[in-house]
Amino acid sequence: MVEGLLRIGEVALLCGAAKTKKTWMALALAHDVASASDFVRQMCVQAARPVLYIDAECGPAVMGSRVKLLRIARAPLIEQISLYACRGMARPSIGVACNLMRRAIEQCGAKLCIVDTLSAYFPALNENDNSEATDTMGQILRVADESQCAIVLIHHTAKGGGEQRSIVDAASGASAYARRADAVMTLRDDPQGEMMMDVKSRSFPPVDRCCITWDSTMRPKGEPITAATMADIPPAPRRNKSRV
């Protein structure tokens, strides 16, 4: 679906601390997949495909203003992007939440489903319980595989934004969320105030770290990090491997 990031039937995490524009990044991904535009200039969208956006966090008024600013509510994108607004709607179990997601995907024929956010949509989520995280991710992966739809879950990073953690370990809560995901995108502020995006995918070679800037319509642009700026920007943290 997106070269360098995600295949149909896979699940990805989009992680970031509060106010790091995770929803704007997710809406941009929805726009780019629906219109076959390259995502942040580095990852190539293969073809225009229908998108389902499950909004369990922002609410219709906020989401409506963002959709308007991004100019998503216009032909032909209005035919390609479906919005399921469910903020405050209780789902009794993970199974029910997954069944609702599966039905919504089938109803609109989506090939990309974005869930905003993981903790807001799925009920009674104990983010620190690895067994619960494993079960939740297993059910989500099953939906992606059976529906032949890529799924992106918006998730928070650990306290402090996860600056000192690797790309995979930056996600909040149990490690099973990132371990079971096929790809992880992490948004982080560096000490100089720039926003960086790191990407780790199981299906594709590594994607270079990029600096994210935003235009007047809140569309993200991925600027390559040049040799001149490399010295001023700390590298993405690596996972420490203990020796036996």
Protein backbone atom coordinates (compact mmCIF):
# COMPACT_ATOMS: atom_id res chain seq x y z
CA MET A 1 0.00 0.00 0.00
CA VAL A 2 2.68 2.49 1.05
CA GLU A 3 6.19 1.64 -0.16
CA GLY A 4 8.58 1.84 2.76
CA LEU A 5 5.86 1.62 5.40
CA LEU A 6 2.92 -0.74 5.13
CA ARG A 7 1.33 -3.57 3.13
CA ILE A 8 -2.34 -4.51 2.90
CA GLY A 9 -3.20 -6.85 5.78
CA GLU A 10 -0.59 -5.35 8.12
CA VAL A 11 -0.93 -3.29 11.32
CA ALA A 12 1.13 -0.19 12.19
CA LEU A 13 1.47 2.07 15.22
CA LEU A 14 1.68 5.86 14.90
CA CYS A 15 3.19 6.99 18.21
CA GLY A 16 3.82 10.39 19.71
CA ALA A 17 3.53 12.41 22.90
CA ALA A 18 0.56 14.69 23.55
CA LYS A 19 0.27 17.62 21.11
CA THR A 20 2.75 16.18 18.59
CA LYS A 21 0.12 16.39 15.83
CA LYS A 22 -0.52 12.64 15.62
CA THR A 23 -4.08 13.19 14.33
CA TRP A 24 -2.86 15.64 11.68
CA MET A 25 -0.28 13.09 10.54
CA ALA A 26 -2.92 10.35 10.42
CA LEU A 27 -5.33 12.55 8.43
CA ALA A 28 -2.51 13.34 6.01
CA LEU A 29 -1.89 9.60 5.58
CA ALA A 30 -5.61 9.09 4.91
CA HIS A 31 -5.54 11.89 2.34
CA ASP A 32 -2.45 10.53 0.61
CA VAL A 33 -3.74 6.96 0.38
CA ALA A 34 -7.14 8.14 -0.87
CA SER A 35 -5.55 10.37 -3.53
CA ALA A 36 -2.43 8.28 -4.33
CA SER A 37 -0.11 11.08 -3.15
CA ASP A 38 3.30 10.27 -1.71
CA PHE A 39 3.29 10.29 2.10
CA VAL A 40 5.72 12.87 3.55
CA ARG A 41 7.72 12.70 0.28
CA GLN A 42 9.59 9.57 1.31
CA MET A 43 7.05 6.77 1.25
CA CYS A 44 5.27 6.17 -2.04
CA VAL A 45 1.55 5.38 -2.12
CA GLN A 46 1.00 2.69 -4.74
CA ALA A 47 -2.62 3.48 -5.74
CA ALA A 48 -5.68 5.40 -4.55
CA ARG A 49 -7.72 3.26 -2.14
CA PRO A 50 -10.75 3.78 0.15
CA VAL A 51 -9.94 4.79 3.75
CA LEU A 52 -11.89 4.43 7.00
CA TYR A 53 -11.04 6.83 9.85
CA ILE A 54 -12.35 5.76 13.28
CA ASP A 55 -12.43 8.84 15.52
CA ALA A 56 -12.80 7.89 19.19
CA GLU A 57 -10.86 10.85 20.60
CA CYS A 58 -11.52 14.24 19.00
CA GLY A 59 -15.28 14.37 18.43
CA PRO A 60 -17.24 15.46 15.32
CA ALA A 61 -16.80 19.24 15.71
CA VAL A 62 -13.00 19.15 16.08
CA MET A 63 -12.57 16.49 13.41
CA GLY A 64 -14.87 18.37 11.04
CA SER A 65 -12.75 21.52 11.29
CA ARG A 66 -9.57 19.54 10.62
CA VAL A 67 -11.08 17.74 7.65
CA LYS A 68 -12.18 21.11 6.25
CA LEU A 69 -8.70 22.62 6.67
CA LEU A 70 -7.07 19.65 4.96
CA ARG A 71 -9.66 19.90 2.15
CA ILE A 72 -10.58 16.24 2.48
CA ALA A 73 -14.32 16.94 2.20
CA ARG A 74 -14.19 17.57 -1.55
CA ALA A 75 -14.59 15.43 -4.64
CA PRO A 76 -13.19 12.88 -5.29
CA LEU A 77 -11.78 12.44 -1.77
CA ILE A 78 -15.21 12.64 -0.16
CA GLU A 79 -16.05 9.38 -1.95
CA GLN A 80 -12.82 7.72 -0.78
CA ILE A 81 -12.67 8.61 2.93
CA SER A 82 -15.29 7.44 5.45
CA LEU A 83 -15.40 8.81 9.02
CA TYR A 84 -16.78 6.76 11.92
CA ALA A 85 -17.26 9.15 14.86
CA CYS A 86 -17.60 7.17 18.11
CA ARG A 87 -16.21 9.32 20.91
CA GLY A 88 -17.80 8.36 24.23
CA MET A 89 -19.51 5.25 22.83
CA ALA A 90 -18.75 2.36 25.17
CA ARG A 91 -17.78 -1.00 23.68
CA PRO A 92 -18.17 -3.86 26.16
CA SER A 93 -15.21 -5.94 25.01
CA ILE A 94 -12.21 -6.07 22.68
CA GLY A 95 -14.07 -8.62 20.56
CA VAL A 96 -17.07 -6.31 20.09
CA ALA A 97 -14.76 -3.39 19.22
CA CYS A 98 -12.99 -5.52 16.60
CA ASN A 99 -16.30 -6.76 15.15
CA LEU A 100 -17.56 -3.18 14.81
CA MET A 101 -14.31 -2.24 13.08
CA ARG A 102 -14.58 -5.24 10.74
CA ARG A 103 -18.17 -4.36 9.81
CA ALA A 104 -17.27 -0.72 9.17
CA ILE A 105 -14.34 -1.77 6.96
CA GLU A 106 -16.57 -4.09 4.94
CA GLN A 107 -19.32 -1.47 4.66
CA CYS A 108 -17.10 1.15 3.03
CA GLY A 109 -14.69 -1.27 1.31
CA ALA A 110 -11.70 0.32 3.06
CA LYS A 111 -8.16 -0.84 2.38
CA LEU A 112 -6.74 1.42 5.11
CA CYS A 113 -8.33 1.83 8.56
CA ILE A 114 -6.99 4.42 11.02
CA VAL A 115 -7.99 4.16 14.70
CA ASP A 116 -7.66 7.39 16.73
CA THR A 117 -6.64 6.35 19.37
CA LEU A 118 -5.86 2.79 20.51
CA SER A 119 -6.73 3.50 24.18
CA ALA A 120 -9.85 5.55 23.34
CA TYR A 121 -11.43 3.00 20.98
CA PHE A 122 -10.67 -0.28 22.74
CA PRO A 123 -12.40 -0.71 26.14
CA ALA A 124 -10.85 -1.29 29.58
CA LEU A 125 -7.36 -1.30 28.15
CA ASN A 126 -4.61 -1.91 30.70
CA GLU A 127 -1.71 -0.61 28.65
CA ASN A 128 0.88 -2.18 30.96
CA ASP A 129 -0.51 -5.73 30.81
CA ASN A 130 1.51 -7.66 28.23
CA SER A 131 -0.94 -10.56 28.03
CA GLU A 132 -3.86 -8.19 27.38
CA ALA A 133 -1.80 -6.27 24.82
CA THR A 134 -0.87 -9.53 23.06
CA ASP A 135 -4.52 -10.60 22.91
CA THR A 136 -5.67 -7.17 21.69
CA MET A 137 -3.03 -6.98 18.97
CA GLY A 138 -3.77 -10.56 17.94
CA GLN A 139 -7.45 -9.73 17.38
CA ILE A 140 -6.58 -6.54 15.47
CA LEU A 141 -4.11 -8.45 13.28
CA ARG A 142 -6.86 -10.99 12.56
CA VAL A 143 -9.21 -8.21 11.42
CA ALA A 144 -6.50 -6.79 9.12
CA ASP A 145 -5.77 -10.20 7.62
CA GLU A 146 -9.39 -11.32 7.17
CA SER A 147 -10.52 -7.94 5.81
CA GLN A 148 -7.38 -7.50 3.69
CA CYS A 149 -7.08 -3.99 5.06
CA ALA A 150 -4.07 -2.20 6.53
CA ILE A 151 -4.73 -0.81 10.03
CA VAL A 152 -2.93 2.14 11.66
CA LEU A 153 -3.37 2.58 15.43
CA ILE A 154 -2.60 6.00 16.91
CA HIS A 155 -0.88 5.50 20.26
CA HIS A 156 0.94 7.57 22.87
CA THR A 157 4.63 7.38 23.65
CA ALA A 158 5.96 6.73 27.13
CA LYS A 159 6.28 9.58 29.63
CA GLY A 160 8.71 12.20 28.43
CA GLY A 161 7.93 11.41 24.79
CA GLY A 162 10.18 8.34 24.73
CA GLU A 163 13.17 10.40 23.62
CA GLN A 164 15.65 8.02 25.25
CA ARG A 165 14.01 4.89 23.85
CA SER A 166 14.39 3.12 20.51
CA ILE A 167 11.74 3.51 17.80
CA VAL A 168 10.02 0.28 18.83
CA ASP A 169 10.31 0.82 22.60
CA ALA A 170 9.01 4.41 22.55
CA ALA A 171 5.35 3.31 22.60
CA SER A 172 3.55 3.66 25.92
CA GLY A 173 2.61 0.63 27.98
CA ALA A 174 3.30 -3.03 27.28
CA SER A 175 5.96 -3.88 24.73
CA ALA A 176 3.60 -6.27 22.91
CA TYR A 177 1.89 -3.38 21.10
CA ALA A 178 5.02 -2.45 19.17
CA ARG A 179 6.40 -5.98 19.02
CA ARG A 180 3.28 -7.36 17.32
CA ALA A 181 2.92 -4.40 14.95
CA ASP A 182 4.34 -4.70 11.43
CA ALA A 183 5.49 -1.07 11.39
CA VAL A 184 6.04 1.74 13.90
CA MET A 185 6.10 5.48 13.16
CA THR A 186 7.33 7.62 16.05
CA LEU A 187 7.01 11.42 16.26
CA ARG A 188 9.42 13.12 18.68
CA ASP A 189 10.58 16.64 19.48
CA ASP A 190 14.36 16.98 19.55
CA PRO A 191 16.19 19.33 21.98
CA GLN A 192 16.31 22.07 19.32
CA GLY A 193 12.51 22.07 19.04
CA GLU A 194 12.36 20.31 15.67
CA MET A 195 9.93 17.44 15.12
CA MET A 196 11.50 14.20 13.90
CA MET A 197 9.81 11.11 12.50
CA ASP A 198 11.43 7.69 12.80
CA VAL A 199 10.04 4.67 10.93
CA LYS A 200 10.65 1.00 11.49
CA SER A 201 8.95 -1.56 9.21
CA ARG A 202 9.14 -5.35 9.17
CA SER A 203 8.41 -5.50 5.43
CA PHE A 204 10.71 -2.80 4.04
CA PRO A 205 14.30 -1.54 4.33
CA PRO A 206 14.95 1.24 6.87
CA VAL A 207 13.55 4.68 6.08
CA ASP A 208 15.82 7.65 6.77
CA ARG A 209 14.96 9.84 9.71
CA CYS A 210 13.27 13.05 8.58
CA CYS A 211 12.41 16.46 9.99
CA ILE A 212 8.67 17.19 9.85
CA THR A 213 7.42 20.66 8.96
CA TRP A 214 3.80 21.76 8.46
CA ASP A 215 2.32 24.03 5.80
CA SER A 216 -0.61 26.45 6.23
CA THR A 217 -3.16 23.65 5.75
CA MET A 218 -1.42 21.42 8.33
CA ARG A 219 -0.03 19.10 5.70
CA PRO A 220 3.22 17.48 6.88
CA LYS A 221 6.37 17.60 4.80
CA GLY A 222 9.30 15.29 5.41
CA GLU A 223 12.52 17.20 4.96
CA PRO A 224 15.66 15.09 4.63
CA ILE A 225 18.33 15.64 7.26
CA THR A 226 21.40 16.96 5.48
CA ALA A 227 25.04 16.54 6.51
CA ALA A 228 25.09 20.19 7.58
CA THR A 229 22.31 19.64 10.13
CA MET A 230 23.18 16.08 11.15
CA ALA A 231 25.66 17.25 13.80
CA ASP A 232 22.99 19.34 15.52
CA ILE A 233 20.35 16.59 15.62
CA PRO A 234 20.73 13.63 17.96
CA PRO A 235 20.35 10.20 16.33
CA ALA A 236 17.34 8.01 16.99
CA PRO A 237 17.95 6.03 20.18
CA ARG A 238 18.90 2.39 19.78
CA ARG A 239 17.75 -0.48 21.87
CA ASN A 240 20.41 -1.68 24.32
CA LYS A 241 21.17 -5.37 23.91
CA SER A 242 22.43 -7.15 26.98
CA ARG A 243 25.08 -9.79 26.64
CA VAL A 244 24.64 -13.22 28.14
